[in-house]
Amino acid sequence: MNDWPEGWSDRDRGNRYGSGSAGAQPESARVMRQVRRGPTAPPQGAGVPQQPSYVNGQGHGDYTNAQQTGYDSGYSTGQVYGGGGDSGGPGDFDSRAPRPAPNWRRRIKWTAISLVTVLVVTSVATYFWADGKLRREVDLSKVIDRPEGGDGTNYLIVGSDSRDGMSAEEKKKLHTGSAEGKRTDSMMILHVGSNGDTLVSLPRDSDVELPTFVGSESGKTYKGTGRHIKLNAAYATDGPELLVRTIEFNTGLRIDHYVEIGFAGFAGIVDAVGGVEITIDKAFKDKYSGADFQAGKQRLNGEEALAFVRTRHAFAASDLQRTKNQQKFLAALAHEVATPGTVLNPFKLYPTMSAGLDSLIVDKDMGLYDLGSMFFAMKGVNGGDGTSLNMPISGSTGGNLVWDKTKVKQLVNELNNDEKVTVTGN
């Protein structure tokens, strides 16, 4: 009896194994897709390994080849792509590759370049900021009949009693009084040359001849009559231009640059640098300037410094001693400003520059380089590299101090030729 469904025959059944096959032999190996992995590891740092390729193989040979080429590597162990499992097979790799060591030479190079760039940019910005704050208000081109220039550079440094911008409380604190206008409390010539720098104080009570001059504002020519005045009266008559004209006429020395500072600016600079250390030889007191000092080394603040340089009633030779004190203190101030502790400290440098530049009045040709040269020369004089003296005096007339003409001529000749100064003053 045929147990197969109707219509089926042995020929229809064929030699089958499984799926209802009655044959005794198993079927031949089926054709199946083989998974073949590449022999090389994926690129370093890749997050996902190379995907397997699927090919259609035939017979047992293809299956065996698949096993030999890594078909079972990782697959049979349950490795998940991208999981970083360790199957120990030839196709294994570590997706977490070690980070390369830092290139310190390159880092140092770029750090240095960045620092230099910042320094250059800051320096350029500071230069233009400072240059823009200079008050170039004095026009030396208005000065007539000027003497020929010599070797080196001559600065006329003037301390005025200007009270511009000061409140009533500040005037009281600094003992400046409330007089209108401006007068010169101190005048100095600083010669900067190659044979040492020289600082010459001009007493404000010096007896000088008022020369012919052109009014700085009116443009009108005023003829000289041979009249003698005190030196500070020239400034009071027609300002800085006439002061320069009078000094050049009476000395024969050409003034290259003009620098003026008022009361408030002077005190502000001293406070900005944290005070100035100075040694006072002898105690003195002056109710007019507010001075009250003991002998010895001490650090003066702005208020005390102003009192020190303005005091004259406490001394017998009032004007001459005051000019010596002014020389001494200004040189010490320049030394303080030029120290590395000020120059390299932006928290001191910028306030100092701001206080100074806001209050300085200079000539129209004055540059920051000229101003820096002046301060460093003042520092040199204080350090013993230069010479400081009063204008040589031979006597007095009518309360005015008369210059020693012979010594003044020798002094001017040495300065014009940039020679070492041998003249001594009072």
Foldseek 3Di string as FASTA:
>chain_A
DDPDDPPDDCVNLDQDDDPPGPHPDHDFDDWDWAWADDQEEDDALDQWTDHTDTDTDDHPVVVVVSVVRCRCQCVVVVHDTSPQDCRPDSHHDGNPDDDDDDDVVVVVVVVVVVVVVVVVVVVVVVQVVLQVLAAADAALVQQPPFFDFFAFAKEKEFEKADCPPPDPVRCVLLLSDDDDDIWTLWIWIWTDHDQAIEIATEQQLAKFFQAWGAAPPPRHIDHGDRDIGGLRVQCVVRHDNSSQNRVCVRQVHHHDKYKYFYLQLQLQLQVLLPFFKDFAQAFWADPNRGEGDHGGIDTDHSSNLSSQLNFQPRDPNRRQVSNVSVLQVLLRSLLSCPDCVQVVDPSRVVSNSVSNSNGMYMHPPDHPVNVNSVSVSSPCVNVVRHYYAYQAFDQDDPSGTYGDVVLSNVQSVCSSHVHHDPRHHD
